[in-house]
Amino acid sequence: MLKARIAVLVSGGGTNLQALIDAERSGIISSGKIELVISNKPGVYALERAERAGISTLVIEKKSLPSREAFEEELIAALDGAKIDFIVLAGFMCILSERFTSHYKDRIINVHPSLIPSFCGEGFYGLKVHEAALAYGVKVSGATVHFVNEIPDGGKIIMQRAVEVKEGDTPEILQRRIMEEAEWKILPESCELVCKRLVDERSK
């Protein structure tokens, strides 16, 4: 069966990467196969998760390269060299330029831990998103999977799931609930949706 070749870009622990690996194993992702995991930092736990799952890994350190352009050129060379069809950003802490995103138009997705357009855009990442949501006093938060373009969190929405904010929530507690109830579910589902589209287009 024809499958889309997936690369996952990471910067940290890789909990969303693990959700994707588990979803592929369980058959939730059946139209794609994770072929490569790239980190912009060495030694992160996401790389260990990938290696344990038998997935090829690569480190391209942004800070060791002279410019964002040089970093993106290395990324493109690695992705195209591995014949990657589709890219998932899973806690990848680098903003990508229009040159990069247009090279993979409608073939990059990201999961953001709020209901876009709330608490998103430049500067909203990790716990900062949940701190802002709690400070504002929202009763519902959640996660959004969207296509990636040159505007941070600005691409077309693919899927969203709402999660209740509870009395006494801390940013850490809310973060965990949103991961478990939303991110780890809609990221694999969105991944399968896009992979299936790519496979169907190629089969025509």
N, C-alpha and C. Protein backbone atom coordinates (compact mmCIF):
# COMPACT_ATOMS: atom_id res chain seq x y z
N MET A 1 0.85 -1.20 0.00
CA MET A 1 0.00 0.00 0.00
C MET A 1 0.88 1.25 0.00
N LEU A 2 0.50 2.18 -0.86
CA LEU A 2 1.23 3.45 -0.95
C LEU A 2 1.01 4.27 0.33
N LYS A 3 2.10 4.77 0.91
CA LYS A 3 1.99 5.59 2.13
C LYS A 3 2.78 6.88 1.96
N ALA A 4 2.27 7.95 2.57
CA ALA A 4 3.00 9.23 2.58
C ALA A 4 4.17 9.10 3.56
N ARG A 5 5.31 9.63 3.17
CA ARG A 5 6.51 9.59 4.01
C ARG A 5 6.51 10.82 4.92
N ILE A 6 6.49 10.58 6.23
CA ILE A 6 6.32 11.65 7.22
C ILE A 6 7.65 11.95 7.91
N ALA A 7 7.92 13.24 8.10
CA ALA A 7 9.01 13.69 8.98
C ALA A 7 8.38 14.46 10.13
N VAL A 8 8.89 14.23 11.34
CA VAL A 8 8.42 14.96 12.51
C VAL A 8 9.57 15.83 13.02
N LEU A 9 9.30 17.13 13.18
CA LEU A 9 10.31 18.08 13.66
C LEU A 9 10.05 18.37 15.14
N VAL A 10 11.11 18.24 15.93
CA VAL A 10 10.97 18.32 17.40
C VAL A 10 12.04 19.23 18.00
N SER A 11 11.77 19.63 19.26
CA SER A 11 12.77 20.43 20.00
C SER A 11 12.92 19.98 21.45
N GLY A 12 12.06 19.04 21.89
CA GLY A 12 12.07 18.72 23.33
C GLY A 12 11.78 17.28 23.63
N GLY A 13 10.84 17.08 24.58
CA GLY A 13 10.56 15.74 25.12
C GLY A 13 9.87 14.80 24.16
N GLY A 14 9.08 15.35 23.25
CA GLY A 14 8.48 14.51 22.22
C GLY A 14 7.20 13.78 22.62
N THR A 15 6.38 14.40 23.49
CA THR A 15 5.12 13.73 23.86
C THR A 15 4.18 13.63 22.65
N ASN A 16 4.14 14.66 21.82
CA ASN A 16 3.29 14.59 20.62
C ASN A 16 3.87 13.62 19.60
N LEU A 17 5.19 13.53 19.52
CA LEU A 17 5.82 12.52 18.67
C LEU A 17 5.39 11.13 19.12
N GLN A 18 5.39 10.89 20.43
CA GLN A 18 4.98 9.59 20.96
C GLN A 18 3.53 9.28 20.59
N ALA A 19 2.67 10.30 20.65
CA ALA A 19 1.27 10.11 20.26
C ALA A 19 1.17 9.69 18.80
N LEU A 20 2.03 10.24 17.95
CA LEU A 20 2.03 9.88 16.53
C LEU A 20 2.56 8.46 16.32
N ILE A 21 3.63 8.11 17.03
CA ILE A 21 4.20 6.76 16.94
C ILE A 21 3.14 5.73 17.36
N ASP A 22 2.47 6.02 18.49
CA ASP A 22 1.43 5.11 18.99
C ASP A 22 0.26 5.01 18.01
N ALA A 23 -0.10 6.13 17.39
CA ALA A 23 -1.22 6.15 16.44
C ALA A 23 -0.88 5.36 15.18
N GLU A 24 0.38 5.40 14.77
CA GLU A 24 0.78 4.61 13.60
C GLU A 24 0.72 3.12 13.95
N ARG A 25 1.19 2.77 15.13
CA ARG A 25 1.16 1.36 15.57
C ARG A 25 -0.26 0.81 15.68
N SER A 26 -1.17 1.67 16.16
CA SER A 26 -2.55 1.21 16.38
C SER A 26 -3.41 1.29 15.13
N GLY A 27 -2.88 1.89 14.06
CA GLY A 27 -3.62 1.96 12.81
C GLY A 27 -4.45 3.22 12.62
N ILE A 28 -4.38 4.14 13.60
CA ILE A 28 -5.08 5.44 13.42
C ILE A 28 -4.44 6.17 12.24
N ILE A 29 -3.11 6.12 12.18
CA ILE A 29 -2.39 6.62 10.99
C ILE A 29 -2.08 5.40 10.13
N SER A 30 -2.82 5.27 9.03
CA SER A 30 -2.62 4.12 8.13
C SER A 30 -2.16 4.55 6.74
N SER A 31 -2.30 5.85 6.43
CA SER A 31 -1.93 6.35 5.10
C SER A 31 -0.54 6.97 5.07
N GLY A 32 0.15 6.96 6.22
CA GLY A 32 1.48 7.55 6.29
C GLY A 32 2.40 6.73 7.18
N LYS A 33 3.71 6.94 7.01
CA LYS A 33 4.70 6.26 7.83
C LYS A 33 5.75 7.27 8.27
N ILE A 34 6.04 7.30 9.58
CA ILE A 34 7.08 8.22 10.08
C ILE A 34 8.44 7.67 9.70
N GLU A 35 9.13 8.39 8.82
CA GLU A 35 10.41 7.94 8.29
C GLU A 35 11.60 8.66 8.93
N LEU A 36 11.35 9.86 9.48
CA LEU A 36 12.47 10.68 9.94
C LEU A 36 12.01 11.61 11.06
N VAL A 37 12.85 11.74 12.09
CA VAL A 37 12.63 12.73 13.15
C VAL A 37 13.84 13.65 13.18
N ILE A 38 13.60 14.95 13.04
CA ILE A 38 14.68 15.94 13.06
C ILE A 38 14.51 16.85 14.26
N SER A 39 15.60 17.03 15.01
CA SER A 39 15.60 17.96 16.14
C SER A 39 16.56 19.10 15.87
N ASN A 40 16.20 20.30 16.36
CA ASN A 40 17.12 21.43 16.24
C ASN A 40 18.03 21.52 17.47
N LYS A 41 17.88 20.54 18.39
CA LYS A 41 18.73 20.51 19.58
C LYS A 41 19.22 19.08 19.79
N PRO A 42 20.50 18.91 20.16
CA PRO A 42 20.98 17.55 20.45
C PRO A 42 20.52 17.09 21.84
N GLY A 43 20.46 15.79 22.03
CA GLY A 43 20.23 15.24 23.37
C GLY A 43 18.82 15.33 23.90
N VAL A 44 17.85 15.73 23.09
CA VAL A 44 16.48 15.83 23.62
C VAL A 44 15.83 14.44 23.65
N TYR A 45 14.88 14.27 24.56
CA TYR A 45 14.28 12.95 24.76
C TYR A 45 13.49 12.47 23.54
N ALA A 46 12.99 13.41 22.73
CA ALA A 46 12.25 13.02 21.52
C ALA A 46 13.11 12.14 20.61
N LEU A 47 14.41 12.39 20.56
CA LEU A 47 15.31 11.59 19.71
C LEU A 47 15.39 10.15 20.23
N GLU A 48 15.39 10.02 21.55
CA GLU A 48 15.41 8.68 22.15
C GLU A 48 14.12 7.93 21.83
N ARG A 49 12.99 8.63 21.91
CA ARG A 49 11.70 8.01 21.58
C ARG A 49 11.74 7.49 20.14
N ALA A 50 12.27 8.30 19.22
CA ALA A 50 12.33 7.91 17.81
C ALA A 50 13.23 6.69 17.62
N GLU A 51 14.40 6.74 18.25
CA GLU A 51 15.35 5.63 18.11
C GLU A 51 14.76 4.33 18.64
N ARG A 52 14.06 4.41 19.77
CA ARG A 52 13.40 3.22 20.34
C ARG A 52 12.37 2.63 19.38
N ALA A 53 11.74 3.52 18.60
CA ALA A 53 10.71 3.08 17.65
C ALA A 53 11.31 2.68 16.30
N GLY A 54 12.64 2.75 16.20
CA GLY A 54 13.31 2.36 14.96
C GLY A 54 13.21 3.39 13.84
N ILE A 55 13.03 4.64 14.23
CA ILE A 55 12.89 5.73 13.24
C ILE A 55 14.23 6.46 13.11
N SER A 56 14.63 6.77 11.89
CA SER A 56 15.88 7.52 11.66
C SER A 56 15.80 8.90 12.30
N THR A 57 16.91 9.34 12.87
CA THR A 57 16.95 10.66 13.51
C THR A 57 18.09 11.50 12.95
N LEU A 58 17.93 12.80 13.10
CA LEU A 58 18.91 13.75 12.62
C LEU A 58 18.86 14.98 13.51
N VAL A 59 20.03 15.55 13.81
CA VAL A 59 20.08 16.82 14.55
C VAL A 59 20.65 17.88 13.62
N ILE A 60 19.90 18.97 13.44
CA ILE A 60 20.39 20.13 12.69
C ILE A 60 20.30 21.31 13.66
N GLU A 61 21.44 21.67 14.23
CA GLU A 61 21.45 22.71 15.25
C GLU A 61 21.40 24.09 14.62
N LYS A 62 20.35 24.81 14.94
CA LYS A 62 20.17 26.15 14.38
C LYS A 62 21.29 27.08 14.82
N LYS A 63 21.66 26.99 16.10
CA LYS A 63 22.64 27.95 16.63
C LYS A 63 24.06 27.69 16.10
N SER A 64 24.29 26.52 15.53
CA SER A 64 25.62 26.24 14.99
C SER A 64 25.76 26.69 13.54
N LEU A 65 24.67 27.22 12.98
CA LEU A 65 24.68 27.68 11.58
C LEU A 65 24.62 29.20 11.54
N PRO A 66 25.17 29.80 10.47
CA PRO A 66 25.32 31.26 10.45
C PRO A 66 24.02 32.06 10.34
N SER A 67 22.95 31.46 9.82
CA SER A 67 21.71 32.22 9.61
C SER A 67 20.51 31.29 9.55
N ARG A 68 19.32 31.88 9.62
CA ARG A 68 18.10 31.09 9.47
C ARG A 68 18.05 30.45 8.08
N GLU A 69 18.52 31.20 7.08
CA GLU A 69 18.52 30.69 5.71
C GLU A 69 19.36 29.41 5.62
N ALA A 70 20.55 29.44 6.25
CA ALA A 70 21.44 28.27 6.23
C ALA A 70 20.79 27.09 6.95
N PHE A 71 20.12 27.38 8.07
CA PHE A 71 19.43 26.34 8.83
C PHE A 71 18.32 25.71 7.98
N GLU A 72 17.53 26.56 7.34
CA GLU A 72 16.42 26.05 6.52
C GLU A 72 16.92 25.29 5.30
N GLU A 73 18.03 25.74 4.73
CA GLU A 73 18.63 25.01 3.59
C GLU A 73 19.02 23.60 3.99
N GLU A 74 19.60 23.46 5.18
CA GLU A 74 19.98 22.13 5.68
C GLU A 74 18.74 21.26 5.91
N LEU A 75 17.70 21.89 6.47
CA LEU A 75 16.45 21.17 6.70
C LEU A 75 15.86 20.66 5.39
N ILE A 76 15.77 21.56 4.41
CA ILE A 76 15.21 21.20 3.10
C ILE A 76 16.02 20.08 2.45
N ALA A 77 17.34 20.20 2.52
CA ALA A 77 18.22 19.17 1.93
C ALA A 77 17.96 17.80 2.58
N ALA A 78 17.81 17.80 3.92
CA ALA A 78 17.56 16.54 4.62
C ALA A 78 16.18 15.97 4.29
N LEU A 79 15.17 16.84 4.26
CA LEU A 79 13.80 16.40 4.01
C LEU A 79 13.63 15.91 2.57
N ASP A 80 14.15 16.68 1.63
CA ASP A 80 14.03 16.28 0.23
C ASP A 80 14.90 15.04 -0.06
N GLY A 81 16.05 14.99 0.61
CA GLY A 81 16.93 13.83 0.45
C GLY A 81 16.27 12.54 0.92
N ALA A 82 15.41 12.66 1.94
CA ALA A 82 14.69 11.48 2.46
C ALA A 82 13.34 11.28 1.76
N LYS A 83 13.10 12.08 0.71
CA LYS A 83 11.85 12.01 -0.07
C LYS A 83 10.60 12.14 0.82
N ILE A 84 10.66 13.11 1.72
CA ILE A 84 9.55 13.33 2.65
C ILE A 84 8.39 14.02 1.94
N ASP A 85 7.18 13.50 2.18
CA ASP A 85 5.97 14.06 1.58
C ASP A 85 5.29 15.07 2.49
N PHE A 86 5.46 14.86 3.81
CA PHE A 86 4.59 15.56 4.76
C PHE A 86 5.36 15.79 6.06
N ILE A 87 5.21 16.99 6.64
CA ILE A 87 5.98 17.37 7.83
C ILE A 87 5.02 17.71 8.97
N VAL A 88 5.31 17.16 10.15
CA VAL A 88 4.55 17.47 11.35
C VAL A 88 5.47 18.19 12.33
N LEU A 89 5.07 19.38 12.75
CA LEU A 89 5.82 20.10 13.78
C LEU A 89 5.24 19.66 15.14
N ALA A 90 6.07 19.03 15.96
CA ALA A 90 5.60 18.51 17.24
C ALA A 90 6.47 19.12 18.35
N GLY A 91 6.06 20.32 18.78
CA GLY A 91 6.87 21.04 19.77
C GLY A 91 8.18 21.52 19.18
N PHE A 92 8.13 21.94 17.92
CA PHE A 92 9.32 22.44 17.22
C PHE A 92 9.41 23.94 17.44
N MET A 93 10.44 24.37 18.16
CA MET A 93 10.52 25.77 18.62
C MET A 93 11.29 26.68 17.68
N CYS A 94 11.01 26.58 16.40
CA CYS A 94 11.63 27.48 15.42
C CYS A 94 10.54 28.02 14.51
N ILE A 95 10.55 29.32 14.28
CA ILE A 95 9.61 29.91 13.33
C ILE A 95 10.22 29.76 11.94
N LEU A 96 9.42 29.25 11.02
CA LEU A 96 9.91 28.95 9.67
C LEU A 96 9.51 30.07 8.70
N SER A 97 10.40 30.35 7.77
CA SER A 97 10.17 31.46 6.82
C SER A 97 9.20 31.07 5.72
N GLU A 98 8.77 32.08 4.99
CA GLU A 98 7.85 31.86 3.86
C GLU A 98 8.52 31.00 2.79
N ARG A 99 9.82 31.16 2.64
CA ARG A 99 10.56 30.36 1.64
C ARG A 99 10.43 28.88 1.97
N PHE A 100 10.58 28.55 3.25
CA PHE A 100 10.48 27.15 3.66
C PHE A 100 9.03 26.65 3.55
N THR A 101 8.08 27.40 4.13
CA THR A 101 6.70 26.92 4.17
C THR A 101 6.09 26.80 2.77
N SER A 102 6.48 27.69 1.85
CA SER A 102 5.92 27.60 0.50
C SER A 102 6.52 26.43 -0.29
N HIS A 103 7.74 26.00 0.10
CA HIS A 103 8.37 24.82 -0.52
C HIS A 103 7.54 23.57 -0.22
N TYR A 104 6.86 23.58 0.93
CA TYR A 104 6.02 22.44 1.34
C TYR A 104 4.58 22.90 1.56
N LYS A 105 4.06 23.66 0.64
CA LYS A 105 2.72 24.26 0.78
C LYS A 105 1.66 23.19 1.04
N ASP A 106 0.87 23.41 2.09
CA ASP A 106 -0.19 22.48 2.51
C ASP A 106 0.34 21.09 2.84
N ARG A 107 1.64 21.04 3.20
CA ARG A 107 2.24 19.75 3.57
C ARG A 107 2.98 19.83 4.92
N ILE A 108 2.69 20.91 5.68
CA ILE A 108 3.24 21.05 7.03
C ILE A 108 2.08 21.34 7.97
N ILE A 109 2.01 20.59 9.09
CA ILE A 109 0.99 20.90 10.09
C ILE A 109 1.66 21.09 11.46
N ASN A 110 0.94 21.79 12.32
CA ASN A 110 1.41 22.07 13.67
C ASN A 110 0.23 21.92 14.62
N VAL A 111 0.52 21.53 15.87
CA VAL A 111 -0.53 21.54 16.89
C VAL A 111 -0.22 22.66 17.86
N HIS A 112 -1.25 23.46 18.16
CA HIS A 112 -1.10 24.59 19.08
C HIS A 112 -2.04 24.39 20.26
N PRO A 113 -1.56 24.62 21.50
CA PRO A 113 -2.37 24.28 22.68
C PRO A 113 -3.39 25.34 23.11
N SER A 114 -4.14 25.85 22.15
CA SER A 114 -5.30 26.70 22.47
C SER A 114 -6.26 26.63 21.28
N LEU A 115 -7.43 27.22 21.46
CA LEU A 115 -8.39 27.28 20.36
C LEU A 115 -8.09 28.54 19.55
N ILE A 116 -7.29 28.39 18.52
CA ILE A 116 -6.96 29.54 17.65
C ILE A 116 -8.27 30.15 17.15
N PRO A 117 -8.46 31.48 17.16
CA PRO A 117 -7.43 32.53 17.27
C PRO A 117 -7.12 33.03 18.68
N SER A 118 -7.53 32.33 19.72
CA SER A 118 -7.18 32.77 21.08
C SER A 118 -5.77 32.32 21.44
N PHE A 119 -5.05 33.19 22.14
CA PHE A 119 -3.74 32.86 22.74
C PHE A 119 -2.80 32.17 21.74
N CYS A 120 -2.59 32.83 20.62
CA CYS A 120 -1.71 32.25 19.60
C CYS A 120 -0.87 33.35 18.97
N GLY A 121 0.03 32.95 18.09
CA GLY A 121 0.92 33.89 17.42
C GLY A 121 2.27 33.94 18.11
N GLU A 122 3.10 34.86 17.67
CA GLU A 122 4.46 34.95 18.19
C GLU A 122 4.48 35.16 19.70
N GLY A 123 5.31 34.41 20.39
CA GLY A 123 5.43 34.54 21.84
C GLY A 123 4.52 33.62 22.63
N PHE A 124 3.52 33.04 21.96
CA PHE A 124 2.62 32.10 22.64
C PHE A 124 3.05 30.68 22.35
N TYR A 125 3.73 30.09 23.31
CA TYR A 125 4.15 28.68 23.17
C TYR A 125 4.28 28.07 24.57
N GLY A 126 4.20 26.74 24.61
CA GLY A 126 4.38 26.03 25.87
C GLY A 126 3.44 26.53 26.96
N LEU A 127 3.97 26.65 28.17
CA LEU A 127 3.16 27.05 29.32
C LEU A 127 2.63 28.47 29.21
N LYS A 128 3.30 29.32 28.40
CA LYS A 128 2.85 30.72 28.24
C LYS A 128 1.40 30.78 27.75
N VAL A 129 1.03 29.83 26.88
CA VAL A 129 -0.34 29.79 26.35
C VAL A 129 -1.32 29.55 27.49
N HIS A 130 -1.02 28.59 28.35
CA HIS A 130 -1.94 28.22 29.44
C HIS A 130 -1.96 29.28 30.54
N GLU A 131 -0.83 29.92 30.77
CA GLU A 131 -0.77 31.04 31.73
C GLU A 131 -1.70 32.16 31.27
N ALA A 132 -1.64 32.47 29.97
CA ALA A 132 -2.48 33.55 29.41
C ALA A 132 -3.96 33.18 29.49
N ALA A 133 -4.29 31.93 29.18
CA ALA A 133 -5.69 31.48 29.21
C ALA A 133 -6.25 31.59 30.63
N LEU A 134 -5.46 31.15 31.62
CA LEU A 134 -5.91 31.21 33.01
C LEU A 134 -6.01 32.65 33.51
N ALA A 135 -5.06 33.48 33.11
CA ALA A 135 -5.08 34.90 33.51
C ALA A 135 -6.31 35.60 32.95
N TYR A 136 -6.72 35.21 31.77
CA TYR A 136 -7.88 35.83 31.13
C TYR A 136 -9.19 35.31 31.72
N GLY A 137 -9.11 34.11 32.32
CA GLY A 137 -10.30 33.56 32.97
C GLY A 137 -11.23 32.77 32.06
N VAL A 138 -10.70 32.25 30.93
CA VAL A 138 -11.56 31.48 30.04
C VAL A 138 -12.03 30.20 30.73
N LYS A 139 -13.22 29.75 30.36
CA LYS A 139 -13.79 28.52 30.93
C LYS A 139 -13.54 27.32 30.03
N VAL A 140 -13.17 27.59 28.80
CA VAL A 140 -12.89 26.52 27.83
C VAL A 140 -11.60 26.87 27.10
N SER A 141 -10.71 25.90 27.00
CA SER A 141 -9.53 26.07 26.14
C SER A 141 -9.49 24.85 25.22
N GLY A 142 -8.31 24.43 24.79
CA GLY A 142 -8.27 23.27 23.91
C GLY A 142 -7.02 23.27 23.05
N ALA A 143 -7.12 22.62 21.90
CA ALA A 143 -5.99 22.55 20.98
C ALA A 143 -6.48 22.69 19.55
N THR A 144 -5.56 23.13 18.70
CA THR A 144 -5.85 23.35 17.28
C THR A 144 -4.73 22.74 16.45
N VAL A 145 -5.10 22.00 15.42
CA VAL A 145 -4.12 21.57 14.42
C VAL A 145 -4.36 22.41 13.18
N HIS A 146 -3.30 22.99 12.65
CA HIS A 146 -3.43 23.88 11.50
C HIS A 146 -2.28 23.68 10.52
N PHE A 147 -2.54 24.06 9.28
CA PHE A 147 -1.44 24.10 8.31
C PHE A 147 -0.49 25.23 8.69
N VAL A 148 0.77 25.08 8.33
CA VAL A 148 1.79 26.06 8.69
C VAL A 148 2.10 26.93 7.48
N ASN A 149 2.03 28.24 7.70
CA ASN A 149 2.53 29.19 6.71
C ASN A 149 3.53 30.12 7.41
N GLU A 150 3.88 31.22 6.76
CA GLU A 150 4.92 32.09 7.33
C GLU A 150 4.46 32.90 8.54
N ILE A 151 3.14 32.92 8.81
CA ILE A 151 2.61 33.65 9.97
C ILE A 151 2.48 32.66 11.13
N PRO A 152 3.13 32.93 12.28
CA PRO A 152 3.02 31.99 13.40
C PRO A 152 1.56 31.71 13.77
N ASP A 153 1.19 30.45 13.73
CA ASP A 153 -0.18 29.98 14.02
C ASP A 153 -1.22 30.58 13.07
N GLY A 154 -0.78 30.96 11.87
CA GLY A 154 -1.66 31.67 10.96
C GLY A 154 -2.26 30.85 9.83
N GLY A 155 -1.89 29.58 9.71
CA GLY A 155 -2.39 28.76 8.61
C GLY A 155 -3.80 28.25 8.84
N LYS A 156 -4.39 27.70 7.80
CA LYS A 156 -5.78 27.22 7.83
C LYS A 156 -5.95 26.12 8.87
N ILE A 157 -7.04 26.21 9.63
CA ILE A 157 -7.33 25.23 10.68
C ILE A 157 -7.82 23.92 10.07
N ILE A 158 -7.28 22.81 10.58
CA ILE A 158 -7.69 21.47 10.14
C ILE A 158 -8.67 20.87 11.14
N MET A 159 -8.34 20.98 12.42
CA MET A 159 -9.15 20.34 13.46
C MET A 159 -8.97 21.08 14.78
N GLN A 160 -10.03 21.11 15.58
CA GLN A 160 -9.95 21.69 16.93
C GLN A 160 -10.70 20.80 17.91
N ARG A 161 -10.26 20.83 19.16
CA ARG A 161 -11.01 20.13 20.21
C ARG A 161 -10.99 20.99 21.47
N ALA A 162 -12.17 21.18 22.06
CA ALA A 162 -12.29 22.00 23.27
C ALA A 162 -12.06 21.15 24.51
N VAL A 163 -11.49 21.80 25.54
CA VAL A 163 -11.22 21.15 26.81
C VAL A 163 -11.67 22.11 27.92
N GLU A 164 -12.35 21.57 28.91
CA GLU A 164 -12.85 22.40 30.02
C GLU A 164 -11.69 22.89 30.89
N VAL A 165 -11.78 24.17 31.27
CA VAL A 165 -10.85 24.72 32.27
C VAL A 165 -11.54 24.58 33.63
N LYS A 166 -10.84 23.97 34.59
CA LYS A 166 -11.47 23.68 35.89
C LYS A 166 -10.95 24.59 36.99
N GLU A 167 -11.78 24.77 37.99
CA GLU A 167 -11.43 25.56 39.18
C GLU A 167 -10.14 24.99 39.78
N GLY A 168 -9.20 25.87 40.08
CA GLY A 168 -7.95 25.42 40.70
C GLY A 168 -6.89 24.96 39.73
N ASP A 169 -7.17 25.04 38.41
CA ASP A 169 -6.16 24.64 37.42
C ASP A 169 -4.91 25.52 37.53
N THR A 170 -3.77 24.89 37.43
CA THR A 170 -2.51 25.61 37.24
C THR A 170 -2.16 25.48 35.76
N PRO A 171 -1.22 26.29 35.25
CA PRO A 171 -0.82 26.12 33.85
C PRO A 171 -0.36 24.69 33.54
N GLU A 172 0.33 24.06 34.49
CA GLU A 172 0.84 22.70 34.27
C GLU A 172 -0.30 21.67 34.20
N ILE A 173 -1.29 21.83 35.10
CA ILE A 173 -2.43 20.90 35.10
C ILE A 173 -3.24 21.06 33.82
N LEU A 174 -3.49 22.31 33.43
CA LEU A 174 -4.25 22.57 32.20
C LEU A 174 -3.50 22.06 30.98
N GLN A 175 -2.19 22.27 30.95
CA GLN A 175 -1.36 21.79 29.84
C GLN A 175 -1.52 20.27 29.68
N ARG A 176 -1.44 19.56 30.79
CA ARG A 176 -1.53 18.10 30.75
C ARG A 176 -2.90 17.65 30.26
N ARG A 177 -3.98 18.29 30.77
CA ARG A 177 -5.33 17.91 30.34
C ARG A 177 -5.53 18.15 28.86
N ILE A 178 -5.03 19.28 28.36
CA ILE A 178 -5.19 19.60 26.93
C ILE A 178 -4.40 18.61 26.08
N MET A 179 -3.21 18.24 26.53
CA MET A 179 -2.45 17.21 25.80
C MET A 179 -3.25 15.91 25.71
N GLU A 180 -3.71 15.44 26.88
CA GLU A 180 -4.36 14.12 26.94
C GLU A 180 -5.71 14.10 26.22
N GLU A 181 -6.50 15.17 26.39
CA GLU A 181 -7.87 15.17 25.86
C GLU A 181 -7.97 15.72 24.44
N ALA A 182 -6.96 16.49 24.02
CA ALA A 182 -7.06 17.14 22.70
C ALA A 182 -5.85 16.87 21.81
N GLU A 183 -4.68 17.37 22.21
CA GLU A 183 -3.51 17.30 21.32
C GLU A 183 -3.21 15.89 20.83
N TRP A 184 -3.15 14.93 21.76
CA TRP A 184 -2.74 13.57 21.40
C TRP A 184 -3.79 12.84 20.57
N LYS A 185 -4.98 13.41 20.49
CA LYS A 185 -6.05 12.82 19.67
C LYS A 185 -6.13 13.48 18.29
N ILE A 186 -6.19 14.83 18.29
CA ILE A 186 -6.43 15.50 16.99
C ILE A 186 -5.17 15.60 16.12
N LEU A 187 -3.99 15.52 16.73
CA LEU A 187 -2.78 15.57 15.89
C LEU A 187 -2.67 14.31 15.03
N PRO A 188 -2.78 13.09 15.60
CA PRO A 188 -2.76 11.90 14.74
C PRO A 188 -3.91 11.86 13.74
N GLU A 189 -5.12 12.28 14.17
CA GLU A 189 -6.28 12.27 13.26
C GLU A 189 -6.05 13.21 12.07
N SER A 190 -5.49 14.38 12.35
CA SER A 190 -5.21 15.36 11.29
C SER A 190 -4.11 14.84 10.37
N CYS A 191 -3.13 14.19 10.98
CA CYS A 191 -2.02 13.61 10.23
C CYS A 191 -2.56 12.60 9.21
N GLU A 192 -3.45 11.72 9.66
CA GLU A 192 -4.04 10.71 8.77
C GLU A 192 -4.85 11.38 7.66
N LEU A 193 -5.59 12.42 8.01
CA LEU A 193 -6.41 13.14 7.04
C LEU A 193 -5.56 13.69 5.89
N VAL A 194 -4.45 14.35 6.24
CA VAL A 194 -3.59 14.95 5.22
C VAL A 194 -2.84 13.87 4.44
N CYS A 195 -2.34 12.86 5.13
CA CYS A 195 -1.63 11.76 4.44
C CYS A 195 -2.54 11.08 3.42
N LYS A 196 -3.78 10.85 3.81
CA LYS A 196 -4.74 10.20 2.90
C LYS A 196 -4.96 11.06 1.66
N ARG A 197 -5.08 12.36 1.87
CA ARG A 197 -5.24 13.28 0.73
C ARG A 197 -4.04 13.20 -0.22
N LEU A 198 -2.84 13.19 0.37
CA LEU A 198 -1.61 13.14 -0.45
C LEU A 198 -1.52 11.83 -1.23
N VAL A 199 -1.87 10.73 -0.57
CA VAL A 199 -1.83 9.42 -1.22
C VAL A 199 -2.87 9.36 -2.34
N ASP A 200 -4.07 9.87 -2.06
CA ASP A 200 -5.14 9.87 -3.08
C ASP A 200 -4.74 10.71 -4.28
N GLU A 201 -4.11 11.87 -4.03
CA GLU A 201 -3.67 12.73 -5.14
C GLU A 201 -2.64 12.03 -6.00
N ARG A 202 -1.75 11.27 -5.36
CA ARG A 202 -0.67 10.58 -6.07
C ARG A 202 -1.20 9.40 -6.86
N SER A 203 -2.32 8.83 -6.35
CA SER A 203 -2.90 7.64 -7.00
C SER A 203 -3.71 7.97 -8.25
N LYS A 204 -4.06 9.26 -8.41
CA LYS A 204 -4.91 9.65 -9.53
C LYS A 204 -4.18 9.55 -10.86
